[in-house]
Protein backbone atom coordinates (compact mmCIF):
# COMPACT_ATOMS: atom_id res chain seq x y z
CA UNK A 1 0.00 0.00 0.00
CA UNK A 2 3.06 2.28 0.06
CA UNK A 3 3.28 2.85 -3.69
CA UNK A 4 1.09 5.96 -3.79
CA UNK A 5 2.89 7.96 -1.12
CA UNK A 6 6.28 6.81 -2.37
CA UNK A 7 5.41 8.34 -5.73
CA UNK A 8 4.25 11.54 -4.07
CA UNK A 9 7.48 11.82 -2.12
CA UNK A 10 9.65 11.29 -5.17
CA UNK A 11 7.75 13.56 -7.55
CA UNK A 12 7.61 16.33 -4.97
CA UNK A 13 11.34 15.86 -4.46
CA UNK A 14 11.91 16.60 -8.14
CA UNK A 15 10.10 19.91 -7.74
CA UNK A 16 11.57 21.12 -4.45
CA UNK A 17 15.14 19.83 -4.71
CA UNK A 18 15.04 18.55 -1.13
CA UNK A 19 18.14 16.63 -0.09
CA UNK A 20 16.28 14.51 2.45
CA UNK A 21 13.54 12.23 1.17
CA UNK A 22 10.75 11.95 3.72
CA UNK A 23 7.04 12.58 4.04
CA UNK A 24 7.76 15.46 6.39
CA UNK A 25 10.20 17.21 4.05
CA UNK A 26 8.19 17.10 0.80
CA UNK A 27 4.47 16.84 1.62
CA UNK A 28 3.97 20.50 2.36
CA UNK A 29 0.62 22.09 1.67
CA UNK A 30 0.28 25.76 0.65
CA UNK A 31 -0.32 27.99 3.70
CA UNK A 32 -3.89 28.90 4.67
CA UNK A 33 -4.88 31.43 7.34
CA UNK A 34 -7.05 28.79 8.99
CA UNK A 35 -9.10 25.78 7.99
CA UNK A 36 -12.82 26.13 7.48
CA UNK A 37 -14.84 25.04 10.49
CA UNK A 38 -17.82 23.94 8.39
CA UNK A 39 -19.21 23.74 4.88
CA UNK A 40 -20.54 27.30 5.04
CA UNK A 41 -16.99 28.63 5.36
CA UNK A 42 -15.57 26.77 2.36
CA UNK A 43 -14.59 28.88 -0.63
CA UNK A 44 -12.09 29.35 -3.44
CA UNK A 45 -9.74 32.29 -3.76
CA UNK A 46 -11.19 34.63 -6.41
CA UNK A 47 -14.24 32.39 -6.71
CA UNK A 48 -16.19 35.24 -8.34
CA UNK A 49 -14.09 34.66 -11.47
CA UNK A 50 -16.22 31.54 -12.08
CA UNK A 51 -19.23 33.71 -12.86
CA UNK A 52 -22.01 31.71 -14.47
CA UNK A 53 -20.78 28.40 -13.07
CA UNK A 54 -22.50 26.49 -10.29
CA UNK A 55 -20.09 26.02 -7.38
CA UNK A 56 -20.71 23.60 -4.50
CA UNK A 57 -18.47 22.93 -1.52
CA UNK A 58 -18.58 20.21 1.10
CA UNK A 59 -16.79 17.40 2.92
CA UNK A 60 -16.31 13.72 2.21
CA UNK A 61 -16.00 11.65 5.37
CA UNK A 62 -15.76 12.77 8.97
CA UNK A 63 -13.25 13.50 11.70
CA UNK A 64 -9.60 13.16 10.81
CA UNK A 65 -10.60 11.51 7.53
CA UNK A 66 -12.63 14.54 6.39
CA UNK A 67 -11.75 15.64 2.85
CA UNK A 68 -12.82 19.08 1.61
CA UNK A 69 -14.15 19.24 -1.94
CA UNK A 70 -15.50 21.65 -4.53
CA UNK A 71 -17.68 20.74 -7.51
CA UNK A 72 -17.92 23.25 -10.35
CA UNK A 73 -20.59 22.76 -13.03
CA UNK A 74 -20.97 24.94 -16.10
CA UNK A 75 -23.00 23.11 -18.69
CA UNK A 76 -25.62 20.48 -19.45
CA UNK A 77 -25.64 17.29 -17.39
CA UNK A 78 -24.62 15.13 -20.33
CA UNK A 79 -21.03 16.41 -20.32
CA UNK A 80 -18.19 14.33 -18.84
CA UNK A 81 -17.34 14.64 -15.17
CA UNK A 82 -13.68 15.21 -14.29
CA UNK A 83 -11.70 14.59 -11.12
CA UNK A 84 -8.72 16.92 -10.89
CA UNK A 85 -5.73 15.93 -8.74
CA UNK A 86 -3.41 18.82 -7.96
CA UNK A 87 0.35 19.05 -7.86
CA UNK A 88 2.33 18.94 -4.64
CA UNK A 89 1.95 22.64 -3.91
CA UNK A 90 -1.69 23.01 -4.94
CA UNK A 91 -4.97 23.05 -3.04
CA UNK A 92 -8.57 24.02 -3.69
CA UNK A 93 -8.48 27.45 -2.07
CA UNK A 94 -5.35 28.79 -3.76
CA UNK A 95 -5.56 27.03 -7.13
CA UNK A 96 -9.16 25.87 -7.53
CA UNK A 97 -10.22 28.64 -9.92
CA UNK A 98 -7.24 27.87 -12.16
CA UNK A 99 -7.94 24.13 -12.11
CA UNK A 100 -11.65 24.59 -12.79
CA UNK A 101 -11.07 27.07 -15.61
CA UNK A 102 -8.72 24.59 -17.28
CA UNK A 103 -11.29 21.77 -17.28
CA UNK A 104 -14.71 23.43 -17.64
CA UNK A 105 -14.49 23.68 -21.42
CA UNK A 106 -15.01 19.89 -21.58
CA UNK A 107 -17.08 19.04 -18.51
CA UNK A 108 -17.84 19.58 -14.84
CA UNK A 109 -15.11 19.02 -12.28
CA UNK A 110 -14.50 17.77 -8.76
CA UNK A 111 -11.49 19.18 -6.90
CA UNK A 112 -10.41 18.16 -3.41
CA UNK A 113 -7.76 18.85 -0.79
CA UNK A 114 -5.34 16.07 0.08
CA UNK A 115 -5.22 15.07 3.77
CA UNK A 116 -3.50 17.85 5.69
CA UNK A 117 -3.91 20.24 2.76
CA UNK A 118 -6.26 23.21 2.53
CA UNK A 119 -9.49 22.56 4.42
CA UNK A 120 -9.09 18.79 4.73
CA UNK A 121 -8.42 17.29 8.13
CA UNK A 122 -5.58 15.02 9.20
CA UNK A 123 -1.97 15.05 8.08
CA UNK A 124 -0.29 14.09 4.81
CA UNK A 125 0.93 10.54 5.34
CA UNK A 126 1.01 7.14 3.69
CA UNK A 127 -2.05 6.01 5.62
CA UNK A 128 -4.15 9.13 5.01
CA UNK A 129 -3.44 9.31 1.28
CA UNK A 130 -4.26 5.63 0.81
CA UNK A 131 -7.41 5.91 2.91
CA UNK A 132 -8.84 8.77 0.82
CA UNK A 133 -8.62 6.99 -2.56
CA UNK A 134 -11.77 4.86 -2.47
CA UNK A 135 -14.07 7.35 -0.67
CA UNK A 136 -13.18 10.21 -3.01
CA UNK A 137 -13.43 7.93 -6.05
CA UNK A 138 -16.85 6.66 -4.95
CA UNK A 139 -18.04 10.23 -4.33
CA UNK A 140 -16.86 11.24 -7.80
CA UNK A 141 -18.72 8.33 -9.39
CA UNK A 142 -21.90 9.33 -7.57
CA UNK A 143 -21.53 12.93 -8.75
CA UNK A 144 -20.94 11.77 -12.32
CA UNK A 145 -24.25 9.91 -12.24
CA UNK A 146 -23.42 7.63 -15.15
CA UNK A 147 -21.57 10.21 -17.24
CA UNK A 148 -18.04 9.58 -18.49
CA UNK A 149 -15.72 9.89 -15.48
CA UNK A 150 -12.28 11.23 -16.44
CA UNK A 151 -9.38 11.57 -14.00
CA UNK A 152 -6.87 14.38 -14.65
CA UNK A 153 -3.67 14.67 -12.63
CA UNK A 154 -1.04 17.40 -12.81
CA UNK A 155 2.51 16.54 -11.72
CA UNK A 156 2.31 14.34 -8.60
CA UNK A 157 -1.46 14.51 -9.06
CA UNK A 158 -0.92 12.04 -11.88
CA UNK A 159 0.12 9.45 -9.31
CA UNK A 160 -2.82 10.31 -7.06
CA UNK A 161 -5.40 10.21 -9.87
CA UNK A 162 -3.93 7.03 -11.37
CA UNK A 163 -4.21 5.26 -8.04
CA UNK A 164 -7.74 6.57 -7.53
CA UNK A 165 -8.90 5.71 -11.05
CA UNK A 166 -7.51 2.20 -10.66
CA UNK A 167 -9.73 1.75 -7.61
CA UNK A 168 -12.85 3.35 -9.10
CA UNK A 169 -14.90 0.91 -11.25
CA UNK A 170 -16.69 3.75 -13.07
CA UNK A 171 -13.46 5.42 -14.26
CA UNK A 172 -13.57 6.04 -18.03
CA UNK A 173 -10.22 7.64 -18.89
CA UNK A 174 -7.05 9.20 -17.45
CA UNK A 175 -5.11 12.36 -18.36
CA UNK A 176 -1.53 12.80 -17.13
CA UNK A 177 -0.29 16.41 -17.33
CA UNK A 178 3.43 17.02 -16.69
CA UNK A 179 3.59 13.77 -14.77
CA UNK A 180 5.78 10.66 -14.80
CA UNK A 181 5.51 6.90 -14.64
CA UNK A 182 7.98 6.32 -11.81
CA UNK A 183 10.94 7.72 -9.93
CA UNK A 184 13.84 6.04 -11.65
CA UNK A 185 15.52 9.36 -12.44
CA UNK A 186 14.80 11.06 -9.11
CA UNK A 187 17.11 11.07 -6.14
CA UNK A 188 15.07 8.31 -4.55
CA UNK A 189 15.60 4.98 -2.88
CA UNK A 190 15.04 1.65 -4.61
CA UNK A 191 11.70 1.19 -2.85
CA UNK A 192 10.48 4.61 -4.02
CA UNK A 193 11.60 3.93 -7.58
CA UNK A 194 9.41 0.82 -7.70
CA UNK A 195 6.19 2.86 -7.83
CA UNK A 196 4.55 2.44 -11.23
CA UNK A 197 1.67 4.67 -12.30
CA UNK A 198 0.79 2.25 -15.09
CA UNK A 199 0.45 -0.61 -12.63
CA UNK A 200 -1.69 1.54 -10.32
CA UNK A 201 -3.92 2.43 -13.27
CA UNK A 202 -4.05 -1.11 -14.70
CA UNK A 203 -7.61 -2.00 -13.53
CA UNK A 204 -8.96 0.96 -15.52
CA UNK A 205 -9.29 -0.17 -19.13
CA UNK A 206 -10.12 3.22 -20.65
CA UNK A 207 -7.91 5.45 -22.82
CA UNK A 208 -4.97 7.48 -21.53
CA UNK A 209 -3.70 10.90 -22.60
CA UNK A 210 -0.17 12.00 -21.64
CA UNK A 211 0.58 15.73 -21.97
CA UNK A 212 4.21 16.84 -21.74
CA UNK A 213 6.22 20.06 -22.04
CA UNK A 214 9.56 19.89 -23.84
CA UNK A 215 10.94 22.62 -21.52
CA UNK A 216 9.80 20.93 -18.29
CA UNK A 217 12.63 21.00 -15.73
CA UNK A 218 10.63 19.20 -13.04
CA UNK A 219 9.69 16.15 -15.10
CA UNK A 220 12.23 16.14 -17.96
CA UNK A 221 10.67 15.40 -21.33
CA UNK A 222 12.78 12.26 -21.80
CA UNK A 223 10.86 10.79 -18.85
CA UNK A 224 7.54 11.73 -20.45
CA UNK A 225 8.58 10.07 -23.69
CA UNK A 226 9.65 6.86 -21.95
CA UNK A 227 6.39 6.95 -19.96
CA UNK A 228 4.40 7.14 -23.18
CA UNK A 229 6.40 4.32 -24.78
CA UNK A 230 5.82 2.07 -21.76
CA UNK A 231 2.13 2.98 -21.73
CA UNK A 232 1.75 1.96 -25.36
CA UNK A 233 3.44 -1.35 -24.63
CA UNK A 234 1.03 -2.15 -21.79
CA UNK A 235 -2.26 -0.53 -22.91
CA UNK A 236 -4.29 -0.33 -26.10
CA UNK A 237 -5.47 3.28 -26.00
CA UNK A 238 -2.69 5.81 -25.43
CA UNK A 239 -2.18 9.29 -26.85
CA UNK A 240 1.01 11.26 -26.20
CA UNK A 241 1.18 14.99 -26.98
CA UNK A 242 4.36 17.01 -26.51
CA UNK A 243 4.34 20.82 -26.58
CA UNK A 244 7.78 22.14 -27.57
CA UNK A 245 7.52 25.54 -25.84
CA UNK A 246 5.76 24.44 -22.64
CA UNK A 247 7.29 23.92 -19.22
CA UNK A 248 5.94 22.21 -16.11
CA UNK A 249 3.10 24.60 -15.35
CA UNK A 250 2.00 26.21 -18.61
CA UNK A 251 0.93 23.29 -20.79
CA UNK A 252 -2.69 24.58 -20.80
CA UNK A 253 -1.42 27.79 -22.43
CA UNK A 254 0.36 25.99 -25.27
CA UNK A 255 -0.93 26.27 -28.81
CA UNK A 256 -2.83 23.14 -29.71
CA UNK A 257 -3.67 22.22 -26.12
CA UNK A 258 -7.41 22.80 -26.40
CA UNK A 259 -7.68 21.01 -29.74
CA UNK A 260 -5.82 17.91 -28.57
CA UNK A 261 -7.77 17.58 -25.33
CA UNK A 262 -11.01 18.12 -27.26
CA UNK A 263 -10.06 15.33 -29.65
CA UNK A 264 -9.32 12.98 -26.76
CA UNK A 265 -12.49 13.80 -24.81
CA UNK A 266 -14.60 13.43 -27.94
CA UNK A 267 -13.25 9.92 -28.46
CA UNK A 268 -13.81 9.05 -24.79
CA UNK A 269 -17.42 10.10 -25.17
CA UNK A 270 -17.90 8.09 -28.36
CA UNK A 271 -19.71 4.79 -27.70
CA UNK A 272 -17.40 2.79 -29.99
CA UNK A 273 -14.04 4.55 -29.88
CA UNK A 274 -11.34 2.87 -31.95
CA UNK A 275 -8.31 1.74 -29.98
CA UNK A 276 -6.01 2.23 -32.96
CA UNK A 277 -7.15 5.82 -33.41
CA UNK A 278 -6.11 6.66 -29.85
CA UNK A 279 -2.79 4.82 -29.88
CA UNK A 280 -0.55 7.59 -31.20
CA UNK A 281 2.44 9.81 -30.49
CA UNK A 282 2.30 13.48 -31.43
CA UNK A 283 5.32 15.75 -31.25
CA UNK A 284 6.37 19.07 -32.72
CA UNK A 285 3.36 21.07 -31.53
CA UNK A 286 4.02 24.72 -30.79
CA UNK A 287 2.23 27.61 -29.21
């Protein structure tokens, strides 16, 4: 059960350059003045920017297992439902408007705070991260209500969403953004390097989209390319898109981003999507 947190530790290490690998040194949530005492106090920073969208906040679970969430809806109920898993320095309050704005073009979205992050209770640990996977996945499936359920993880969120999608029977597809398969190239121990996002995702049979930035210094593009190659060897439906002028955090601003995600989501929604049409590698895109 250690694979998820081992991946989080290693991917966060890549971003922060920490010399010591430990949960305490790398699982650091963005600062908040104080955690919300109840649902009525939950909010997003600059939430008014989501004008016209329907925004709901709440908690999944109770006590030290309580996970804060936000659902943002901005279209008809037949659109896909996304679960967005943030990077190691992201949470709902500080980054939720950015996350929602990125996804709302294609569907409604669930965002949540990791244990010890934002308005969620508990502390960031192996046990708490593992414990949240099934409850949050089940909640997402209930919110989707039979619609296509797509998991989208940025950076270490790729590991979180892959592990959650692999445990959620209703999962339809997975998008990795600036993420990696494992920790082979990080300054990590052998046990940490054994984490495998593809293995975590294996129970989910739906298509996979891997988005990479050629200028990414956190997850070097060579790792994204090897990730895509391994994914194609182990799965039928894999699309890899590389943006030559994008770095770790600005892939959604790259030219061609919207078109390529639209193409992928359209195929996910199609009742009889062709595996061969999704099994591709696309490079040389520019802004």
